[in-house]
C-alpha cells in the first residue's frame, strides 16, 4: 500500500516536472504572438531542451467544439474541502462541450509534430502513446494520450485541463438538473457503463444529448485527465473499519464508500490516483477548460 509520503502527494521529481511543464507551456501559449513552427525534439536532448521544443505551441485554433460557461458554486464533493464534510467552492469556469476527438488531435499534430508518436520524448510519453490513433474512428475521443500531451493540446486552444472540482461539478448534472446525484435511476445508468468500461472501443463524441450545462459525455464514453490528478490519493486499506475505505486528498480529506452515489466518481479517482503523467490508457481521454475573461465569458453559442 502506498502512503502519502511515498506515493502521489510527495513533492518529488514527477510533481515538479508536471508543474514546470504546465507553467512553461501556459506562458508560451499565452504570450507568443507569432510562434515559430514547431521542430521535432532532438534525439537525446536534455529534458529542458525537449520541453522548450514541445512548448512552442501553434496559434490557438477554433476547434468548433465550443466552451460552455459554468457559473460554479458550492459542491458536495467526494473530496471535502475541509477534509471532513465541507463543500468545495467552484469558481466560474468554461468547459469544452466535447471530448477531444482523434480528428482534432491529428490536426494538432500537424502543427505540433513534437507530439507525434515516436517524436515526443520518452520523459513525456509511455510506449503505448497514441497506439491506436491511426486505426481508431476519427470521431471517437482520442485515447492513449499522456497528461503532458493533453496539456499541450489544451494550450493550443488557449486552455488547460479542467481541475478535479470543475470536472466533478459539471459531471453531477443530467440533461435537466445541475445536480442529479440523488436520482437512483440516473446513478444506476451511469454505473452500468462503469461496469462495462473498457470492454469495447469508445463510440463517437457527442453522440448522446448534452447535460444541463451543454456538456457531452462526462459519463459513458471514456475516463478523463484532470489538471490536478497528481493530488488525488487513494488508500485502499479497508481493514480499519470493515468495508470502509479512506480516500485522502494529500493526506487531508476522507470519504466513505458506504454512500453509493459516490461509487462512479470514486472509480475515476482511483484510476487517476494510480496514473503517472507520462502514462496513457485505451479508455482515457480528455477535454479542456478555460478561466473566464472579464466582461467576456468566451463561451461559444
C-alpha atoms as a PDB file:
ATOM      1  CA  UNK A   1       0.000   0.000   0.000  1.00  0.00           C
ATOM      2  CA  UNK A   2       1.345   3.419  -0.904  1.00  0.00           C
ATOM      3  CA  UNK A   3       1.407   6.185   1.651  1.00  0.00           C
ATOM      4  CA  UNK A   4       1.309   9.948   1.136  1.00  0.00           C
ATOM      5  CA  UNK A   5       4.994  10.102   1.997  1.00  0.00           C
ATOM      6  CA  UNK A   6       5.974   7.672  -0.755  1.00  0.00           C
ATOM      7  CA  UNK A   7       3.008   7.969  -3.115  1.00  0.00           C
ATOM      8  CA  UNK A   8       1.206  10.667  -5.025  1.00  0.00           C
ATOM      9  CA  UNK A   9       1.418  13.646  -2.660  1.00  0.00           C
ATOM     10  CA  UNK A  10       5.205  13.676  -2.381  1.00  0.00           C
ATOM     11  CA  UNK A  11       6.973  16.766  -3.693  1.00  0.00           C
ATOM     12  CA  UNK A  12       9.330  14.856  -5.951  1.00  0.00           C
ATOM     13  CA  UNK A  13      10.595  14.947  -9.488  1.00  0.00           C
ATOM     14  CA  UNK A  14       7.333  13.933 -11.156  1.00  0.00           C
ATOM     15  CA  UNK A  15       5.267  16.654  -9.490  1.00  0.00           C
ATOM     16  CA  UNK A  16       7.898  19.312 -10.097  1.00  0.00           C
ATOM     17  CA  UNK A  17       8.183  18.333 -13.754  1.00  0.00           C
ATOM     18  CA  UNK A  18       4.412  18.343 -14.213  1.00  0.00           C
ATOM     19  CA  UNK A  19       4.139  21.804 -12.690  1.00  0.00           C
ATOM     20  CA  UNK A  20       7.086  23.156 -14.680  1.00  0.00           C
ATOM     21  CA  UNK A  21       5.582  21.958 -17.941  1.00  0.00           C
ATOM     22  CA  UNK A  22       2.157  23.360 -17.137  1.00  0.00           C
ATOM     23  CA  UNK A  23       3.654  26.753 -16.326  1.00  0.00           C
ATOM     24  CA  UNK A  24       6.098  26.788 -19.215  1.00  0.00           C
ATOM     25  CA  UNK A  25       3.580  25.691 -21.818  1.00  0.00           C
ATOM     26  CA  UNK A  26       0.929  28.022 -20.432  1.00  0.00           C
ATOM     27  CA  UNK A  27       3.247  31.008 -20.694  1.00  0.00           C
ATOM     28  CA  UNK A  28       4.319  30.010 -24.191  1.00  0.00           C
ATOM     29  CA  UNK A  29       0.782  29.555 -25.402  1.00  0.00           C
ATOM     30  CA  UNK A  30      -0.478  32.817 -23.947  1.00  0.00           C
ATOM     31  CA  UNK A  31       2.401  35.147 -24.797  1.00  0.00           C
ATOM     32  CA  UNK A  32       3.677  34.054 -28.191  1.00  0.00           C
ATOM     33  CA  UNK A  33       2.130  36.478 -30.641  1.00  0.00           C
ATOM     34  CA  UNK A  34       3.550  34.726 -33.681  1.00  0.00           C
ATOM     35  CA  UNK A  35       5.060  31.408 -32.640  1.00  0.00           C
ATOM     36  CA  UNK A  36       7.679  29.755 -34.764  1.00  0.00           C
ATOM     37  CA  UNK A  37       6.887  26.427 -36.409  1.00  0.00           C
ATOM     38  CA  UNK A  38       7.350  23.512 -34.058  1.00  0.00           C
ATOM     39  CA  UNK A  39      10.501  21.492 -34.586  1.00  0.00           C
ATOM     40  CA  UNK A  40      10.837  17.856 -33.509  1.00  0.00           C
ATOM     41  CA  UNK A  41      12.686  17.418 -30.227  1.00  0.00           C
ATOM     42  CA  UNK A  42      16.286  16.398 -30.842  1.00  0.00           C
ATOM     43  CA  UNK A  43      17.179  12.797 -30.097  1.00  0.00           C
ATOM     44  CA  UNK A  44      18.856  12.558 -26.717  1.00  0.00           C
ATOM     45  CA  UNK A  45      18.001  16.144 -25.913  1.00  0.00           C
ATOM     46  CA  UNK A  46      18.226  17.360 -22.345  1.00  0.00           C
ATOM     47  CA  UNK A  47      14.722  17.452 -20.763  1.00  0.00           C
ATOM     48  CA  UNK A  48      14.847  21.256 -20.601  1.00  0.00           C
ATOM     49  CA  UNK A  49      15.608  21.445 -24.327  1.00  0.00           C
ATOM     50  CA  UNK A  50      12.880  18.945 -25.157  1.00  0.00           C
ATOM     51  CA  UNK A  51      10.425  20.881 -23.005  1.00  0.00           C
ATOM     52  CA  UNK A  52      11.265  24.093 -24.823  1.00  0.00           C
ATOM     53  CA  UNK A  53      10.753  22.417 -28.204  1.00  0.00           C
ATOM     54  CA  UNK A  54       7.459  20.843 -27.195  1.00  0.00           C
ATOM     55  CA  UNK A  55       6.056  24.017 -25.657  1.00  0.00           C
ATOM     56  CA  UNK A  56       6.311  26.068 -28.833  1.00  0.00           C
ATOM     57  CA  UNK A  57       2.574  25.835 -29.284  1.00  0.00           C
ATOM     58  CA  UNK A  58       0.877  26.941 -32.502  1.00  0.00           C
ATOM     59  CA  UNK A  59      -1.606  29.773 -32.562  1.00  0.00           C
ATOM     60  CA  UNK A  60      -4.854  28.720 -30.890  1.00  0.00           C
ATOM     61  CA  UNK A  61      -7.349  27.245 -33.304  1.00  0.00           C
ATOM     62  CA  UNK A  62     -11.123  27.282 -33.029  1.00  0.00           C
ATOM     63  CA  UNK A  63     -11.919  23.593 -32.828  1.00  0.00           C
ATOM     64  CA  UNK A  64     -15.627  24.151 -33.241  1.00  0.00           C
ATOM     65  CA  UNK A  65     -16.245  22.132 -30.088  1.00  0.00           C
ATOM     66  CA  UNK A  66     -17.294  25.189 -28.099  1.00  0.00           C
ATOM     67  CA  UNK A  67     -16.695  26.129 -24.488  1.00  0.00           C
ATOM     68  CA  UNK A  68     -19.675  26.437 -22.156  1.00  0.00           C
ATOM     69  CA  UNK A  69     -19.745  28.909 -19.300  1.00  0.00           C
ATOM     70  CA  UNK A  70     -20.427  27.290 -15.917  1.00  0.00           C
ATOM     71  CA  UNK A  71     -21.134  29.638 -13.046  1.00  0.00           C
ATOM     72  CA  UNK A  72     -19.753  27.353 -10.361  1.00  0.00           C
ATOM     73  CA  UNK A  73     -20.820  27.466  -6.720  1.00  0.00           C
ATOM     74  CA  UNK A  74     -20.805  25.091  -3.744  1.00  0.00           C
ATOM     75  CA  UNK A  75     -20.086  21.443  -4.485  1.00  0.00           C
ATOM     76  CA  UNK A  76     -20.803  18.462  -2.268  1.00  0.00           C
ATOM     77  CA  UNK A  77     -17.632  16.733  -3.352  1.00  0.00           C
ATOM     78  CA  UNK A  78     -16.256  13.304  -2.548  1.00  0.00           C
ATOM     79  CA  UNK A  79     -13.140  15.295  -1.602  1.00  0.00           C
ATOM     80  CA  UNK A  80     -14.422  17.589   1.178  1.00  0.00           C
ATOM     81  CA  UNK A  81     -12.664  20.938   1.026  1.00  0.00           C
ATOM     82  CA  UNK A  82     -12.037  20.963   4.782  1.00  0.00           C
ATOM     83  CA  UNK A  83     -11.031  17.306   4.972  1.00  0.00           C
ATOM     84  CA  UNK A  84     -14.215  16.399   6.847  1.00  0.00           C
ATOM     85  CA  UNK A  85     -17.514  17.288   5.210  1.00  0.00           C
ATOM     86  CA  UNK A  86     -17.320  20.859   3.964  1.00  0.00           C
ATOM     87  CA  UNK A  87     -18.494  21.818   0.490  1.00  0.00           C
ATOM     88  CA  UNK A  88     -15.917  22.812  -2.086  1.00  0.00           C
ATOM     89  CA  UNK A  89     -16.322  26.195  -3.757  1.00  0.00           C
ATOM     90  CA  UNK A  90     -16.005  26.075  -7.526  1.00  0.00           C
ATOM     91  CA  UNK A  91     -15.177  29.380  -9.220  1.00  0.00           C
ATOM     92  CA  UNK A  92     -16.762  30.234 -12.586  1.00  0.00           C
ATOM     93  CA  UNK A  93     -15.073  28.461 -15.489  1.00  0.00           C
ATOM     94  CA  UNK A  94     -15.598  27.416 -19.085  1.00  0.00           C
ATOM     95  CA  UNK A  95     -15.569  23.783 -20.130  1.00  0.00           C
ATOM     96  CA  UNK A  96     -15.145  22.293 -23.588  1.00  0.00           C
ATOM     97  CA  UNK A  97     -18.511  20.860 -24.561  1.00  0.00           C
ATOM     98  CA  UNK A  98     -16.953  17.840 -26.282  1.00  0.00           C
ATOM     99  CA  UNK A  99     -14.100  15.490 -25.603  1.00  0.00           C
ATOM    100  CA  UNK A 100     -11.119  15.974 -27.902  1.00  0.00           C
ATOM    101  CA  UNK A 101     -11.517  13.607 -30.851  1.00  0.00           C
ATOM    102  CA  UNK A 102      -8.967  11.663 -32.870  1.00  0.00           C
ATOM    103  CA  UNK A 103      -9.629  14.000 -35.792  1.00  0.00           C
ATOM    104  CA  UNK A 104      -8.869  17.063 -33.666  1.00  0.00           C
ATOM    105  CA  UNK A 105      -5.731  15.559 -32.189  1.00  0.00           C
ATOM    106  CA  UNK A 106      -4.459  14.624 -35.657  1.00  0.00           C
ATOM    107  CA  UNK A 107      -4.917  18.260 -36.712  1.00  0.00           C
ATOM    108  CA  UNK A 108      -2.980  19.338 -33.622  1.00  0.00           C
ATOM    109  CA  UNK A 109      -0.112  17.029 -34.588  1.00  0.00           C
ATOM    110  CA  UNK A 110       0.122  18.694 -37.998  1.00  0.00           C
ATOM    111  CA  UNK A 111       1.183  21.936 -36.330  1.00  0.00           C
ATOM    112  CA  UNK A 112       2.871  20.321 -33.317  1.00  0.00           C
ATOM    113  CA  UNK A 113       4.985  17.467 -34.717  1.00  0.00           C
ATOM    114  CA  UNK A 114       6.984  17.272 -31.486  1.00  0.00           C
ATOM    115  CA  UNK A 115       3.960  15.460 -30.031  1.00  0.00           C
ATOM    116  CA  UNK A 116       3.798  12.772 -32.709  1.00  0.00           C
ATOM    117  CA  UNK A 117       4.262   9.152 -31.729  1.00  0.00           C
ATOM    118  CA  UNK A 118       7.964   8.366 -31.893  1.00  0.00           C
ATOM    119  CA  UNK A 119       8.985  12.032 -31.679  1.00  0.00           C
ATOM    120  CA  UNK A 120       7.719  13.102 -28.261  1.00  0.00           C
ATOM    121  CA  UNK A 121      10.433  12.422 -25.633  1.00  0.00           C
ATOM    122  CA  UNK A 122      10.033   9.299 -23.523  1.00  0.00           C
ATOM    123  CA  UNK A 123      10.051  11.595 -20.500  1.00  0.00           C
ATOM    124  CA  UNK A 124       6.566  12.756 -21.515  1.00  0.00           C
ATOM    125  CA  UNK A 125       5.077   9.614 -23.061  1.00  0.00           C
ATOM    126  CA  UNK A 126       4.881   5.849 -22.485  1.00  0.00           C
ATOM    127  CA  UNK A 127       5.411   3.103 -25.106  1.00  0.00           C
ATOM    128  CA  UNK A 128       1.674   2.891 -25.811  1.00  0.00           C
ATOM    129  CA  UNK A 129       1.330   6.611 -26.572  1.00  0.00           C
ATOM    130  CA  UNK A 130      -1.148   7.209 -29.450  1.00  0.00           C
ATOM    131  CA  UNK A 131      -1.032   3.491 -30.260  1.00  0.00           C
ATOM    132  CA  UNK A 132      -4.472   3.460 -31.905  1.00  0.00           C
ATOM    133  CA  UNK A 133      -4.632   6.969 -33.375  1.00  0.00           C
ATOM    134  CA  UNK A 134      -4.165   5.830 -36.977  1.00  0.00           C
ATOM    135  CA  UNK A 135      -6.689   2.995 -36.772  1.00  0.00           C
ATOM    136  CA  UNK A 136      -9.386   4.438 -34.492  1.00  0.00           C
ATOM    137  CA  UNK A 137     -12.527   6.201 -35.697  1.00  0.00           C
ATOM    138  CA  UNK A 138     -11.806   9.883 -36.315  1.00  0.00           C
ATOM    139  CA  UNK A 139     -14.971  10.889 -34.465  1.00  0.00           C
ATOM    140  CA  UNK A 140     -14.146   8.865 -31.360  1.00  0.00           C
ATOM    141  CA  UNK A 141     -12.336  10.519 -28.449  1.00  0.00           C
ATOM    142  CA  UNK A 142      -8.554  10.410 -28.614  1.00  0.00           C
ATOM    143  CA  UNK A 143      -7.100   7.929 -26.130  1.00  0.00           C
ATOM    144  CA  UNK A 144      -3.625   6.584 -25.312  1.00  0.00           C
ATOM    145  CA  UNK A 145      -2.645  10.191 -24.628  1.00  0.00           C
ATOM    146  CA  UNK A 146      -0.415  11.263 -21.751  1.00  0.00           C
ATOM    147  CA  UNK A 147      -1.203  14.053 -19.301  1.00  0.00           C
ATOM    148  CA  UNK A 148       1.613  16.083 -20.847  1.00  0.00           C
ATOM    149  CA  UNK A 149       0.229  15.709 -24.359  1.00  0.00           C
ATOM    150  CA  UNK A 150      -3.283  16.592 -23.178  1.00  0.00           C
ATOM    151  CA  UNK A 151      -1.961  19.748 -21.515  1.00  0.00           C
ATOM    152  CA  UNK A 152      -0.070  20.681 -24.688  1.00  0.00           C
ATOM    153  CA  UNK A 153      -3.223  20.256 -26.786  1.00  0.00           C
ATOM    154  CA  UNK A 154      -5.244  22.417 -24.416  1.00  0.00           C
ATOM    155  CA  UNK A 155      -2.554  25.104 -24.568  1.00  0.00           C
ATOM    156  CA  UNK A 156      -3.076  25.180 -28.343  1.00  0.00           C
ATOM    157  CA  UNK A 157      -6.692  26.193 -27.646  1.00  0.00           C
ATOM    158  CA  UNK A 158      -5.672  28.844 -25.094  1.00  0.00           C
ATOM    159  CA  UNK A 159      -6.981  26.486 -22.452  1.00  0.00           C
ATOM    160  CA  UNK A 160      -5.894  23.982 -19.807  1.00  0.00           C
ATOM    161  CA  UNK A 161      -7.111  20.685 -18.419  1.00  0.00           C
ATOM    162  CA  UNK A 162     -10.068  21.038 -16.041  1.00  0.00           C
ATOM    163  CA  UNK A 163      -9.358  20.755 -12.326  1.00  0.00           C
ATOM    164  CA  UNK A 164     -10.944  17.914 -10.363  1.00  0.00           C
ATOM    165  CA  UNK A 165     -13.618  20.015  -8.663  1.00  0.00           C
ATOM    166  CA  UNK A 166     -14.553  21.581 -12.025  1.00  0.00           C
ATOM    167  CA  UNK A 167     -14.968  18.198 -13.667  1.00  0.00           C
ATOM    168  CA  UNK A 168     -16.917  16.803 -10.723  1.00  0.00           C
ATOM    169  CA  UNK A 169     -19.183  19.873 -10.696  1.00  0.00           C
ATOM    170  CA  UNK A 170     -20.059  19.506 -14.396  1.00  0.00           C
ATOM    171  CA  UNK A 171     -20.375  15.710 -14.195  1.00  0.00           C
ATOM    172  CA  UNK A 172     -23.010  15.902 -11.433  1.00  0.00           C
ATOM    173  CA  UNK A 173     -25.589  17.151 -13.947  1.00  0.00           C
ATOM    174  CA  UNK A 174     -28.040  15.196 -16.059  1.00  0.00           C
ATOM    175  CA  UNK A 175     -29.970  16.602 -19.014  1.00  0.00           C
ATOM    176  CA  UNK A 176     -32.290  18.795 -16.937  1.00  0.00           C
ATOM    177  CA  UNK A 177     -30.734  19.207 -13.474  1.00  0.00           C
ATOM    178  CA  UNK A 178     -27.495  20.751 -12.276  1.00  0.00           C
ATOM    179  CA  UNK A 179     -27.131  18.000  -9.686  1.00  0.00           C
ATOM    180  CA  UNK A 180     -28.778  14.643 -10.343  1.00  0.00           C
ATOM    181  CA  UNK A 181     -26.692  12.577  -7.924  1.00  0.00           C
ATOM    182  CA  UNK A 182     -29.620  11.778  -5.648  1.00  0.00           C
ATOM    183  CA  UNK A 183     -31.557  10.157  -8.504  1.00  0.00           C
ATOM    184  CA  UNK A 184     -31.167   6.380  -8.191  1.00  0.00           C
ATOM    185  CA  UNK A 185     -32.230   5.727 -11.795  1.00  0.00           C
ATOM    186  CA  UNK A 186     -29.613   8.135 -13.152  1.00  0.00           C
ATOM    187  CA  UNK A 187     -26.910   6.666 -10.944  1.00  0.00           C
ATOM    188  CA  UNK A 188     -27.814   3.134 -11.991  1.00  0.00           C
ATOM    189  CA  UNK A 189     -27.474   4.043 -15.671  1.00  0.00           C
ATOM    190  CA  UNK A 190     -24.056   5.589 -15.039  1.00  0.00           C
ATOM    191  CA  UNK A 191     -22.798   2.650 -13.013  1.00  0.00           C
ATOM    192  CA  UNK A 192     -23.861   0.263 -15.769  1.00  0.00           C
ATOM    193  CA  UNK A 193     -21.306   1.902 -18.069  1.00  0.00           C
ATOM    194  CA  UNK A 194     -18.595   1.857 -15.416  1.00  0.00           C
ATOM    195  CA  UNK A 195     -19.129  -1.884 -15.039  1.00  0.00           C
ATOM    196  CA  UNK A 196     -18.533  -2.383 -18.774  1.00  0.00           C
ATOM    197  CA  UNK A 197     -15.927   0.342 -19.401  1.00  0.00           C
ATOM    198  CA  UNK A 198     -13.015  -0.904 -21.463  1.00  0.00           C
ATOM    199  CA  UNK A 199     -14.811  -3.875 -22.994  1.00  0.00           C
ATOM    200  CA  UNK A 200     -15.245  -2.086 -26.322  1.00  0.00           C
ATOM    201  CA  UNK A 201     -13.637   0.818 -28.158  1.00  0.00           C
ATOM    202  CA  UNK A 202     -15.192   4.209 -27.334  1.00  0.00           C
ATOM    203  CA  UNK A 203     -18.005   5.384 -29.592  1.00  0.00           C
ATOM    204  CA  UNK A 204     -18.421   8.780 -31.249  1.00  0.00           C
ATOM    205  CA  UNK A 205     -18.015  12.014 -29.319  1.00  0.00           C
ATOM    206  CA  UNK A 206     -21.304  13.830 -28.587  1.00  0.00           C
ATOM    207  CA  UNK A 207     -23.478  11.014 -29.935  1.00  0.00           C
ATOM    208  CA  UNK A 208     -25.768  11.419 -26.925  1.00  0.00           C
ATOM    209  CA  UNK A 209     -27.555  14.565 -25.662  1.00  0.00           C
ATOM    210  CA  UNK A 210     -25.645  17.164 -23.663  1.00  0.00           C
ATOM    211  CA  UNK A 211     -26.237  17.651 -19.958  1.00  0.00           C
ATOM    212  CA  UNK A 212     -27.740  20.650 -18.150  1.00  0.00           C
ATOM    213  CA  UNK A 213     -24.624  22.729 -18.862  1.00  0.00           C
ATOM    214  CA  UNK A 214     -24.362  21.776 -22.528  1.00  0.00           C
ATOM    215  CA  UNK A 215     -21.524  19.308 -21.856  1.00  0.00           C
ATOM    216  CA  UNK A 216     -21.413  15.930 -23.613  1.00  0.00           C
ATOM    217  CA  UNK A 217     -20.064  12.592 -22.381  1.00  0.00           C
ATOM    218  CA  UNK A 218     -18.977  13.301 -18.819  1.00  0.00           C
ATOM    219  CA  UNK A 219     -20.030   9.687 -18.251  1.00  0.00           C
ATOM    220  CA  UNK A 220     -20.417   6.796 -20.645  1.00  0.00           C
ATOM    221  CA  UNK A 221     -17.550   7.208 -23.106  1.00  0.00           C
ATOM    222  CA  UNK A 222     -14.061   7.475 -21.555  1.00  0.00           C
ATOM    223  CA  UNK A 223     -12.269   8.418 -18.345  1.00  0.00           C
ATOM    224  CA  UNK A 224     -10.748  11.918 -18.408  1.00  0.00           C
ATOM    225  CA  UNK A 225      -7.495  13.517 -17.344  1.00  0.00           C
ATOM    226  CA  UNK A 226      -7.732  16.451 -14.930  1.00  0.00           C
ATOM    227  CA  UNK A 227      -5.086  19.081 -14.311  1.00  0.00           C
ATOM    228  CA  UNK A 228      -4.554  18.276 -10.630  1.00  0.00           C
ATOM    229  CA  UNK A 229      -4.761  14.476 -10.934  1.00  0.00           C
ATOM    230  CA  UNK A 230      -1.461  14.073  -9.038  1.00  0.00           C
ATOM    231  CA  UNK A 231      -3.063  15.494  -5.884  1.00  0.00           C
ATOM    232  CA  UNK A 232      -5.545  12.617  -5.678  1.00  0.00           C
ATOM    233  CA  UNK A 233      -4.572   9.827  -3.337  1.00  0.00           C
ATOM    234  CA  UNK A 234      -6.450   6.603  -2.662  1.00  0.00           C
ATOM    235  CA  UNK A 235      -5.737   4.475   0.385  1.00  0.00           C
ATOM    236  CA  UNK A 236      -7.421   1.150  -0.361  1.00  0.00           C
ATOM    237  CA  UNK A 237      -6.787  -0.399   3.057  1.00  0.00           C
ATOM    238  CA  UNK A 238     -10.232  -1.374   4.370  1.00  0.00           C
ATOM    239  CA  UNK A 239      -9.097  -3.260   7.483  1.00  0.00           C
ATOM    240  CA  UNK A 240      -9.677  -0.431   9.967  1.00  0.00           C
ATOM    241  CA  UNK A 241     -13.443  -0.103   9.538  1.00  0.00           C
ATOM    242  CA  UNK A 242     -14.824  -3.170   7.840  1.00  0.00           C
ATOM    243  CA  UNK A 243     -15.890  -2.189   4.334  1.00  0.00           C
ATOM    244  CA  UNK A 244     -14.904   1.441   4.815  1.00  0.00           C
ATOM    245  CA  UNK A 245     -12.135   2.793   2.634  1.00  0.00           C
ATOM    246  CA  UNK A 246     -10.272   6.021   3.043  1.00  0.00           C
ATOM    247  CA  UNK A 247      -9.662   8.499   0.245  1.00  0.00           C
ATOM    248  CA  UNK A 248      -7.117  11.186   1.035  1.00  0.00           C
ATOM    249  CA  UNK A 249      -6.503  14.479  -0.715  1.00  0.00           C
ATOM    250  CA  UNK A 250      -2.807  14.938   0.103  1.00  0.00           C
ATOM    251  CA  UNK A 251      -3.453  13.352   3.475  1.00  0.00           C
ATOM    252  CA  UNK A 252      -6.474  15.512   4.334  1.00  0.00           C
ATOM    253  CA  UNK A 253      -9.924  14.702   3.007  1.00  0.00           C
ATOM    254  CA  UNK A 254     -11.812  11.473   3.636  1.00  0.00           C
ATOM    255  CA  UNK A 255     -14.982   9.940   2.221  1.00  0.00           C
ATOM    256  CA  UNK A 256     -16.995   6.834   2.965  1.00  0.00           C
ATOM    257  CA  UNK A 257     -17.770   4.282   0.283  1.00  0.00           C
ATOM    258  CA  UNK A 258     -20.945   3.474   2.182  1.00  0.00           C
ATOM    259  CA  UNK A 259     -22.541   6.253   0.134  1.00  0.00           C
ATOM    260  CA  UNK A 260     -23.389   4.518  -3.142  1.00  0.00           C
ATOM    261  CA  UNK A 261     -23.865   7.776  -5.035  1.00  0.00           C
ATOM    262  CA  UNK A 262     -20.087   8.247  -4.802  1.00  0.00           C
ATOM    263  CA  UNK A 263     -19.135   4.975  -6.495  1.00  0.00           C
ATOM    264  CA  UNK A 264     -18.812   6.224 -10.067  1.00  0.00           C
ATOM    265  CA  UNK A 265     -16.772   9.285  -9.138  1.00  0.00           C
ATOM    266  CA  UNK A 266     -14.592   7.303  -6.754  1.00  0.00           C
ATOM    267  CA  UNK A 267     -13.718   4.849  -9.510  1.00  0.00           C
ATOM    268  CA  UNK A 268     -12.372   7.780 -11.502  1.00  0.00           C
ATOM    269  CA  UNK A 269     -10.376   8.968  -8.521  1.00  0.00           C
ATOM    270  CA  UNK A 270      -8.912   5.503  -8.051  1.00  0.00           C
ATOM    271  CA  UNK A 271      -7.833   5.371 -11.703  1.00  0.00           C
ATOM    272  CA  UNK A 272      -6.334   8.861 -11.770  1.00  0.00           C
ATOM    273  CA  UNK A 273      -4.519   8.423  -8.467  1.00  0.00           C
ATOM    274  CA  UNK A 274      -2.786   5.353  -9.892  1.00  0.00           C
ATOM    275  CA  UNK A 275      -1.561   7.163 -13.014  1.00  0.00           C
ATOM    276  CA  UNK A 276       1.699   8.896 -13.782  1.00  0.00           C
ATOM    277  CA  UNK A 277       1.804  11.865 -16.139  1.00  0.00           C
ATOM    278  CA  UNK A 278       3.577  10.023 -18.971  1.00  0.00           C
ATOM    279  CA  UNK A 279       1.153   7.092 -18.903  1.00  0.00           C
ATOM    280  CA  UNK A 280      -1.980   6.610 -21.009  1.00  0.00           C
ATOM    281  CA  UNK A 281      -4.841   4.170 -21.456  1.00  0.00           C
ATOM    282  CA  UNK A 282      -7.203   2.696 -24.027  1.00  0.00           C
ATOM    283  CA  UNK A 283     -10.169   4.399 -22.343  1.00  0.00           C
ATOM    284  CA  UNK A 284      -8.512   7.566 -21.047  1.00  0.00           C
ATOM    285  CA  UNK A 285      -9.178  10.799 -22.952  1.00  0.00           C
ATOM    286  CA  UNK A 286      -9.577  14.461 -22.110  1.00  0.00           C
ATOM    287  CA  UNK A 287     -11.334  17.772 -22.672  1.00  0.00           C
ATOM    288  CA  UNK A 288     -10.118  21.305 -21.922  1.00  0.00           C
ATOM    289  CA  UNK A 289     -11.230  24.182 -19.704  1.00  0.00           C
ATOM    290  CA  UNK A 290     -10.663  27.925 -19.546  1.00  0.00           C
ATOM    291  CA  UNK A 291     -10.821  30.641 -16.951  1.00  0.00           C
ATOM    292  CA  UNK A 292     -13.442  33.318 -17.706  1.00  0.00           C
ATOM    293  CA  UNK A 293     -12.277  36.516 -19.377  1.00  0.00           C
ATOM    294  CA  UNK A 294     -13.543  39.644 -17.551  1.00  0.00           C
ATOM    295  CA  UNK A 295     -16.583  41.138 -19.304  1.00  0.00           C
ATOM    296  CA  UNK A 296     -16.440  38.350 -21.857  1.00  0.00           C
ATOM    297  CA  UNK A 297     -17.306  34.804 -20.829  1.00  0.00           C
ATOM    298  CA  UNK A 298     -15.833  33.492 -24.061  1.00  0.00           C
ATOM    299  CA  UNK A 299     -18.379  30.693 -24.387  1.00  0.00           C
ATOM    300  CA  UNK A 300     -19.375  29.528 -27.812  1.00  0.00           C
ATOM    301  CA  UNK A 301     -23.055  29.744 -28.692  1.00  0.00           C
END
